Amino acid sequence: MLQAPNLDLGPLTARLLPPGSGAGMDLRRLAFPGDRGDGHDATCHHLVIETRGKVLATGRLRVFDGPPKGAYAAEFYDLAPLTLTGRSLELGRFCLHPDHPDPGILRLAWGFLARIIAAEDIALLFGCTSFPGAQADHGPALAALRPHVASPGPGRRAAALPLPDRTPDPTSLPPLLRFYLSLGAKVSDHAVIDRDLDTLHVLTLLRIADIPPARARFLTLA
């Protein structure tokens, strides 16, 4: 069982809830209209960030020792080609409330995750990072990911779209993905369409050792 004390940043509070918790589902359905929950909710801990009882961010967490068998991402990507050593943490269904763009929410979320990463000796953070709208034209954003492709990367397990050779537009990347890239994250060389959630997603891989030290110190809220 993961454990982490609450963490505050101004009026915001980050909490870790046990597997099966329903907290944050309303926000998840707002971010992913097709999200009705799945079997992973019963095996993952749940991060929520609240203020005055309102959930402003949520995500689910699961730690793996060795190959991440049973991970949500493994349903869409073949993780076997990845060079995995040490423990890994899957962060899934992470979303921010669209009406509360406070950058402190994302900073608090990472500060909270950083404590879990340190306590659990995590070497790799991974998960599916989504683009809203399965049918939208995400070509310029996906093209901006080409310099950030992981090597070795995951194999293909679902219908995939290669990252296109188009004029890139990094400004059209989702905020969470831009944040990951600023920390040194790498991505899959293809995207997967998830029609159930009406999203397009890429596998994101962040090796903790690759985070610039100054950036890491700032994000731990030290």
C-alpha atoms as a PDB file:
ATOM      1  CA  MET A   1       0.000   0.000   0.000  1.00  0.00           C
ATOM      2  CA  LEU A   2       1.293   3.424  -0.948  1.00  0.00           C
ATOM      3  CA  GLN A   3       1.344   6.014   1.790  1.00  0.00           C
ATOM      4  CA  ALA A   4       1.969   9.739   1.629  1.00  0.00           C
ATOM      5  CA  PRO A   5       1.006  12.568   3.996  1.00  0.00           C
ATOM      6  CA  ASN A   6      -1.162  15.370   2.681  1.00  0.00           C
ATOM      7  CA  LEU A   7       0.732  18.226   1.032  1.00  0.00           C
ATOM      8  CA  ASP A   8      -0.482  21.838   0.946  1.00  0.00           C
ATOM      9  CA  LEU A   9       0.326  24.728  -1.354  1.00  0.00           C
ATOM     10  CA  GLY A  10      -1.649  27.822  -0.376  1.00  0.00           C
ATOM     11  CA  PRO A  11      -5.347  26.848  -0.428  1.00  0.00           C
ATOM     12  CA  LEU A  12      -4.614  23.627  -2.350  1.00  0.00           C
ATOM     13  CA  THR A  13      -4.271  20.209  -0.704  1.00  0.00           C
ATOM     14  CA  ALA A  14      -2.954  17.017  -2.326  1.00  0.00           C
ATOM     15  CA  ARG A  15      -4.129  13.702  -0.872  1.00  0.00           C
ATOM     16  CA  LEU A  16      -3.552  10.040  -1.668  1.00  0.00           C
ATOM     17  CA  LEU A  17      -6.640   7.827  -1.500  1.00  0.00           C
ATOM     18  CA  PRO A  18      -6.758   4.011  -1.425  1.00  0.00           C
ATOM     19  CA  PRO A  19      -7.681   1.714  -4.331  1.00  0.00           C
ATOM     20  CA  GLY A  20     -11.342   1.759  -5.244  1.00  0.00           C
ATOM     21  CA  SER A  21     -11.888   5.338  -4.150  1.00  0.00           C
ATOM     22  CA  GLY A  22     -14.508   7.138  -6.206  1.00  0.00           C
ATOM     23  CA  ALA A  23     -13.129  10.590  -5.511  1.00  0.00           C
ATOM     24  CA  GLY A  24     -12.272  12.487  -8.664  1.00  0.00           C
ATOM     25  CA  MET A  25     -14.621  10.549 -10.957  1.00  0.00           C
ATOM     26  CA  ASP A  26     -16.731  13.615 -11.750  1.00  0.00           C
ATOM     27  CA  LEU A  27     -13.607  15.440 -12.909  1.00  0.00           C
ATOM     28  CA  ARG A  28     -12.445  12.406 -14.879  1.00  0.00           C
ATOM     29  CA  ARG A  29     -15.745  12.253 -16.721  1.00  0.00           C
ATOM     30  CA  LEU A  30     -15.418  15.942 -17.500  1.00  0.00           C
ATOM     31  CA  ALA A  31     -11.943  15.399 -18.976  1.00  0.00           C
ATOM     32  CA  PHE A  32     -12.700  12.006 -20.545  1.00  0.00           C
ATOM     33  CA  PRO A  33     -16.432  11.902 -21.372  1.00  0.00           C
ATOM     34  CA  GLY A  34     -16.376   8.163 -22.013  1.00  0.00           C
ATOM     35  CA  ASP A  35     -14.715   7.315 -18.681  1.00  0.00           C
ATOM     36  CA  ARG A  36     -16.957   5.050 -16.616  1.00  0.00           C
ATOM     37  CA  GLY A  37     -14.160   3.562 -14.567  1.00  0.00           C
ATOM     38  CA  ASP A  38     -12.479   0.200 -15.170  1.00  0.00           C
ATOM     39  CA  GLY A  39     -10.748  -2.620 -13.367  1.00  0.00           C
ATOM     40  CA  HIS A  40      -7.582  -0.577 -12.888  1.00  0.00           C
ATOM     41  CA  ASP A  41      -9.383   1.712 -10.443  1.00  0.00           C
ATOM     42  CA  ALA A  42      -9.518  -1.153  -7.960  1.00  0.00           C
ATOM     43  CA  THR A  43      -5.749  -1.746  -8.136  1.00  0.00           C
ATOM     44  CA  CYS A  44      -4.515   1.854  -8.199  1.00  0.00           C
ATOM     45  CA  HIS A  45      -4.168   4.506  -5.536  1.00  0.00           C
ATOM     46  CA  HIS A  46      -5.769   7.837  -6.387  1.00  0.00           C
ATOM     47  CA  LEU A  47      -4.254  11.300  -6.177  1.00  0.00           C
ATOM     48  CA  VAL A  48      -6.639  14.224  -5.703  1.00  0.00           C
ATOM     49  CA  ILE A  49      -5.918  17.914  -5.367  1.00  0.00           C
ATOM     50  CA  GLU A  50      -8.703  19.898  -3.743  1.00  0.00           C
ATOM     51  CA  THR A  51      -9.585  23.331  -2.516  1.00  0.00           C
ATOM     52  CA  ARG A  52     -12.600  23.935  -0.328  1.00  0.00           C
ATOM     53  CA  GLY A  53     -13.920  20.471  -1.114  1.00  0.00           C
ATOM     54  CA  LYS A  54     -13.693  20.867  -4.906  1.00  0.00           C
ATOM     55  CA  VAL A  55     -11.452  18.449  -6.828  1.00  0.00           C
ATOM     56  CA  LEU A  56      -9.175  20.364  -9.220  1.00  0.00           C
ATOM     57  CA  ALA A  57      -6.906  17.502 -10.308  1.00  0.00           C
ATOM     58  CA  THR A  58      -6.850  13.743 -10.079  1.00  0.00           C
ATOM     59  CA  GLY A  59      -4.897  10.747 -11.301  1.00  0.00           C
ATOM     60  CA  ARG A  60      -4.336   7.109 -10.439  1.00  0.00           C
ATOM     61  CA  LEU A  61      -1.032   5.550  -9.416  1.00  0.00           C
ATOM     62  CA  ARG A  62       0.391   2.062  -9.426  1.00  0.00           C
ATOM     63  CA  VAL A  63       3.917   0.908  -8.574  1.00  0.00           C
ATOM     64  CA  PHE A  64       5.589  -2.008 -10.370  1.00  0.00           C
ATOM     65  CA  ASP A  65       8.643  -4.052  -9.461  1.00  0.00           C
ATOM     66  CA  GLY A  66      10.259  -5.206 -12.690  1.00  0.00           C
ATOM     67  CA  PRO A  67       8.240  -5.444 -15.935  1.00  0.00           C
ATOM     68  CA  PRO A  68       4.923  -3.587 -15.516  1.00  0.00           C
ATOM     69  CA  LYS A  69       2.620  -6.504 -16.246  1.00  0.00           C
ATOM     70  CA  GLY A  70      -1.007  -5.521 -15.879  1.00  0.00           C
ATOM     71  CA  ALA A  71      -0.353  -1.828 -16.469  1.00  0.00           C
ATOM     72  CA  TYR A  72      -3.055   0.134 -18.253  1.00  0.00           C
ATOM     73  CA  ALA A  73      -0.522   1.327 -20.831  1.00  0.00           C
ATOM     74  CA  ALA A  74       0.316  -2.281 -21.672  1.00  0.00           C
ATOM     75  CA  GLU A  75      -3.132  -2.647 -23.222  1.00  0.00           C
ATOM     76  CA  PHE A  76      -2.106  -0.200 -25.964  1.00  0.00           C
ATOM     77  CA  TYR A  77       1.701  -0.438 -26.150  1.00  0.00           C
ATOM     78  CA  ASP A  78       4.097  -3.376 -26.126  1.00  0.00           C
ATOM     79  CA  LEU A  79       6.337  -2.484 -23.202  1.00  0.00           C
ATOM     80  CA  ALA A  80       8.662  -5.482 -23.626  1.00  0.00           C
ATOM     81  CA  PRO A  81      11.240  -3.616 -25.801  1.00  0.00           C
ATOM     82  CA  LEU A  82      11.793  -0.981 -23.107  1.00  0.00           C
ATOM     83  CA  THR A  83      14.929  -1.180 -21.013  1.00  0.00           C
ATOM     84  CA  LEU A  84      13.414  -1.231 -17.530  1.00  0.00           C
ATOM     85  CA  THR A  85      15.523  -1.425 -14.398  1.00  0.00           C
ATOM     86  CA  GLY A  86      14.299  -0.716 -10.900  1.00  0.00           C
ATOM     87  CA  ARG A  87      10.801   0.221  -9.850  1.00  0.00           C
ATOM     88  CA  SER A  88       8.345   2.128 -12.025  1.00  0.00           C
ATOM     89  CA  LEU A  89       5.240   4.183 -11.356  1.00  0.00           C
ATOM     90  CA  GLU A  90       2.331   4.397 -13.778  1.00  0.00           C
ATOM     91  CA  LEU A  91       0.347   7.635 -13.657  1.00  0.00           C
ATOM     92  CA  GLY A  92      -2.955   7.376 -15.477  1.00  0.00           C
ATOM     93  CA  ARG A  93      -6.163   9.314 -16.047  1.00  0.00           C
ATOM     94  CA  PHE A  94      -4.393  12.439 -14.834  1.00  0.00           C
ATOM     95  CA  CYS A  95      -6.445  15.537 -15.535  1.00  0.00           C
ATOM     96  CA  LEU A  96      -6.831  19.139 -14.410  1.00  0.00           C
ATOM     97  CA  HIS A  97     -10.087  21.017 -14.028  1.00  0.00           C
ATOM     98  CA  PRO A  98     -10.538  23.105 -17.204  1.00  0.00           C
ATOM     99  CA  ASP A  99     -11.989  26.051 -15.272  1.00  0.00           C
ATOM    100  CA  HIS A 100      -9.026  26.307 -12.885  1.00  0.00           C
ATOM    101  CA  PRO A 101      -5.801  26.951 -14.856  1.00  0.00           C
ATOM    102  CA  ASP A 102      -3.750  27.731 -11.724  1.00  0.00           C
ATOM    103  CA  PRO A 103      -0.143  26.562 -12.466  1.00  0.00           C
ATOM    104  CA  GLY A 104       0.218  25.833  -8.767  1.00  0.00           C
ATOM    105  CA  ILE A 105      -2.035  22.785  -9.217  1.00  0.00           C
ATOM    106  CA  LEU A 106       0.429  21.055 -11.517  1.00  0.00           C
ATOM    107  CA  ARG A 107       3.371  22.083  -9.344  1.00  0.00           C
ATOM    108  CA  LEU A 108       1.657  20.694  -6.238  1.00  0.00           C
ATOM    109  CA  ALA A 109       0.812  17.475  -8.077  1.00  0.00           C
ATOM    110  CA  TRP A 110       4.459  16.993  -8.986  1.00  0.00           C
ATOM    111  CA  GLY A 111       5.646  17.922  -5.505  1.00  0.00           C
ATOM    112  CA  PHE A 112       3.351  15.249  -4.115  1.00  0.00           C
ATOM    113  CA  LEU A 113       4.466  12.691  -6.711  1.00  0.00           C
ATOM    114  CA  ALA A 114       8.101  13.551  -6.020  1.00  0.00           C
ATOM    115  CA  ARG A 115       7.685  12.483  -2.400  1.00  0.00           C
ATOM    116  CA  ILE A 116       6.171   9.160  -3.483  1.00  0.00           C
ATOM    117  CA  ILE A 117       8.914   8.671  -6.089  1.00  0.00           C
ATOM    118  CA  ALA A 118      11.594   9.227  -3.448  1.00  0.00           C
ATOM    119  CA  ALA A 119       9.922   7.054  -0.806  1.00  0.00           C
ATOM    120  CA  GLU A 120       9.311   4.177  -3.219  1.00  0.00           C
ATOM    121  CA  ASP A 121      12.696   4.456  -5.000  1.00  0.00           C
ATOM    122  CA  ILE A 122      11.041   4.927  -8.393  1.00  0.00           C
ATOM    123  CA  ALA A 123      13.332   4.968 -11.439  1.00  0.00           C
ATOM    124  CA  LEU A 124      10.710   5.528 -14.159  1.00  0.00           C
ATOM    125  CA  LEU A 125       7.399   7.373 -14.363  1.00  0.00           C
ATOM    126  CA  PHE A 126       5.249   6.336 -17.305  1.00  0.00           C
ATOM    127  CA  GLY A 127       1.716   6.575 -18.636  1.00  0.00           C
ATOM    128  CA  CYS A 128      -0.538   7.443 -21.564  1.00  0.00           C
ATOM    129  CA  THR A 129      -0.697  11.207 -22.124  1.00  0.00           C
ATOM    130  CA  SER A 130      -3.839  12.280 -23.957  1.00  0.00           C
ATOM    131  CA  PHE A 131      -4.828  14.764 -26.626  1.00  0.00           C
ATOM    132  CA  PRO A 132      -8.555  15.632 -26.467  1.00  0.00           C
ATOM    133  CA  GLY A 133     -10.604  14.628 -29.496  1.00  0.00           C
ATOM    134  CA  ALA A 134      -9.919  11.339 -31.259  1.00  0.00           C
ATOM    135  CA  GLN A 135     -10.905  12.814 -34.630  1.00  0.00           C
ATOM    136  CA  ALA A 136      -9.238  16.214 -34.264  1.00  0.00           C
ATOM    137  CA  ASP A 137      -6.195  17.137 -36.338  1.00  0.00           C
ATOM    138  CA  HIS A 138      -3.290  16.771 -33.911  1.00  0.00           C
ATOM    139  CA  GLY A 139      -0.713  16.519 -36.698  1.00  0.00           C
ATOM    140  CA  PRO A 140       1.311  19.677 -35.893  1.00  0.00           C
ATOM    141  CA  ALA A 141       1.443  18.752 -32.199  1.00  0.00           C
ATOM    142  CA  LEU A 142       2.441  15.151 -32.904  1.00  0.00           C
ATOM    143  CA  ALA A 143       5.131  16.382 -35.306  1.00  0.00           C
ATOM    144  CA  ALA A 144       6.600  18.424 -32.445  1.00  0.00           C
ATOM    145  CA  LEU A 145       7.201  15.158 -30.569  1.00  0.00           C
ATOM    146  CA  ARG A 146       9.559  13.703 -33.177  1.00  0.00           C
ATOM    147  CA  PRO A 147      12.741  15.021 -31.439  1.00  0.00           C
ATOM    148  CA  HIS A 148      11.574  13.407 -28.193  1.00  0.00           C
ATOM    149  CA  VAL A 149      11.073   9.809 -29.324  1.00  0.00           C
ATOM    150  CA  ALA A 150      12.381   7.184 -26.896  1.00  0.00           C
ATOM    151  CA  SER A 151      15.059   4.727 -27.987  1.00  0.00           C
ATOM    152  CA  PRO A 152      14.369   1.945 -27.440  1.00  0.00           C
ATOM    153  CA  GLY A 153      10.673   2.693 -27.507  1.00  0.00           C
ATOM    154  CA  PRO A 154       7.557   0.597 -27.017  1.00  0.00           C
ATOM    155  CA  GLY A 155       6.242  -1.681 -29.720  1.00  0.00           C
ATOM    156  CA  ARG A 156       2.776  -1.438 -31.241  1.00  0.00           C
ATOM    157  CA  ARG A 157      -0.139  -3.287 -29.707  1.00  0.00           C
ATOM    158  CA  ALA A 158      -3.080  -1.256 -31.024  1.00  0.00           C
ATOM    159  CA  ALA A 159      -4.026   0.612 -34.177  1.00  0.00           C
ATOM    160  CA  ALA A 160      -1.383   3.326 -34.362  1.00  0.00           C
ATOM    161  CA  LEU A 161      -0.633   6.622 -36.066  1.00  0.00           C
ATOM    162  CA  PRO A 162       3.050   7.378 -36.742  1.00  0.00           C
ATOM    163  CA  LEU A 163       4.287  10.787 -35.700  1.00  0.00           C
ATOM    164  CA  PRO A 164       3.856  12.793 -38.914  1.00  0.00           C
ATOM    165  CA  ASP A 165       6.527  14.658 -40.831  1.00  0.00           C
ATOM    166  CA  ARG A 166       4.747  18.012 -40.805  1.00  0.00           C
ATOM    167  CA  THR A 167       5.494  21.532 -39.680  1.00  0.00           C
ATOM    168  CA  PRO A 168       5.616  21.147 -35.876  1.00  0.00           C
ATOM    169  CA  ASP A 169       3.642  23.309 -33.468  1.00  0.00           C
ATOM    170  CA  PRO A 170       4.868  22.760 -29.882  1.00  0.00           C
ATOM    171  CA  THR A 171       2.368  25.328 -28.568  1.00  0.00           C
ATOM    172  CA  SER A 172      -0.497  22.978 -29.460  1.00  0.00           C
ATOM    173  CA  LEU A 173       0.783  20.212 -27.192  1.00  0.00           C
ATOM    174  CA  PRO A 174      -1.358  19.484 -24.116  1.00  0.00           C
ATOM    175  CA  PRO A 175      -0.017  21.328 -21.030  1.00  0.00           C
ATOM    176  CA  LEU A 176       0.751  18.103 -19.176  1.00  0.00           C
ATOM    177  CA  LEU A 177       2.808  16.775 -22.060  1.00  0.00           C
ATOM    178  CA  ARG A 178       4.722  20.058 -22.378  1.00  0.00           C
ATOM    179  CA  PHE A 179       5.455  19.793 -18.659  1.00  0.00           C
ATOM    180  CA  TYR A 180       6.773  16.229 -19.006  1.00  0.00           C
ATOM    181  CA  LEU A 181       8.984  17.207 -21.938  1.00  0.00           C
ATOM    182  CA  SER A 182      10.445  20.084 -19.900  1.00  0.00           C
ATOM    183  CA  LEU A 183      11.595  17.464 -17.399  1.00  0.00           C
ATOM    184  CA  GLY A 184      13.300  15.356 -20.058  1.00  0.00           C
ATOM    185  CA  ALA A 185      10.528  12.886 -20.885  1.00  0.00           C
ATOM    186  CA  LYS A 186      10.511  10.762 -24.033  1.00  0.00           C
ATOM    187  CA  VAL A 187       7.519   9.480 -25.998  1.00  0.00           C
ATOM    188  CA  SER A 188       6.507   6.599 -28.241  1.00  0.00           C
ATOM    189  CA  ASP A 189       7.079   6.947 -31.989  1.00  0.00           C
ATOM    190  CA  HIS A 190       3.356   6.527 -32.585  1.00  0.00           C
ATOM    191  CA  ALA A 191       0.033   7.592 -31.133  1.00  0.00           C
ATOM    192  CA  VAL A 192      -2.998   5.454 -30.352  1.00  0.00           C
ATOM    193  CA  ILE A 193      -6.630   6.405 -30.874  1.00  0.00           C
ATOM    194  CA  ASP A 194      -8.869   5.666 -27.891  1.00  0.00           C
ATOM    195  CA  ARG A 195     -12.407   5.968 -29.193  1.00  0.00           C
ATOM    196  CA  ASP A 196     -13.941   5.013 -25.833  1.00  0.00           C
ATOM    197  CA  LEU A 197     -12.429   8.090 -24.171  1.00  0.00           C
ATOM    198  CA  ASP A 198     -12.462  10.202 -27.357  1.00  0.00           C
ATOM    199  CA  THR A 199      -8.736  10.862 -27.095  1.00  0.00           C
ATOM    200  CA  LEU A 200      -5.486  10.285 -28.902  1.00  0.00           C
ATOM    201  CA  HIS A 201      -2.548   9.370 -26.669  1.00  0.00           C
ATOM    202  CA  VAL A 202       1.170   8.703 -26.683  1.00  0.00           C
ATOM    203  CA  LEU A 203       3.160   6.687 -24.190  1.00  0.00           C
ATOM    204  CA  THR A 204       5.263   9.030 -22.066  1.00  0.00           C
ATOM    205  CA  LEU A 205       8.415   7.837 -20.295  1.00  0.00           C
ATOM    206  CA  LEU A 206      10.217   9.948 -17.709  1.00  0.00           C
ATOM    207  CA  ARG A 207      13.361   8.517 -16.180  1.00  0.00           C
ATOM    208  CA  ILE A 208      13.793  10.214 -12.836  1.00  0.00           C
ATOM    209  CA  ALA A 209      17.579  10.417 -13.259  1.00  0.00           C
ATOM    210  CA  ASP A 210      17.058  12.535 -16.408  1.00  0.00           C
ATOM    211  CA  ILE A 211      15.270  15.376 -14.604  1.00  0.00           C
ATOM    212  CA  PRO A 212      17.570  18.446 -14.433  1.00  0.00           C
ATOM    213  CA  PRO A 213      18.619  18.870 -10.764  1.00  0.00           C
ATOM    214  CA  ALA A 214      17.571  22.520 -10.535  1.00  0.00           C
ATOM    215  CA  ARG A 215      14.157  21.693 -11.949  1.00  0.00           C
ATOM    216  CA  ALA A 216      13.785  18.787  -9.547  1.00  0.00           C
ATOM    217  CA  ARG A 217      14.587  20.986  -6.532  1.00  0.00           C
ATOM    218  CA  PHE A 218      12.015  23.577  -7.580  1.00  0.00           C
ATOM    219  CA  LEU A 219       9.285  20.999  -8.138  1.00  0.00           C
ATOM    220  CA  THR A 220       9.764  19.238  -4.818  1.00  0.00           C
ATOM    221  CA  LEU A 221       8.485  22.460  -3.151  1.00  0.00           C
ATOM    222  CA  ALA A 222      11.658  22.565  -1.094  1.00  0.00           C
END
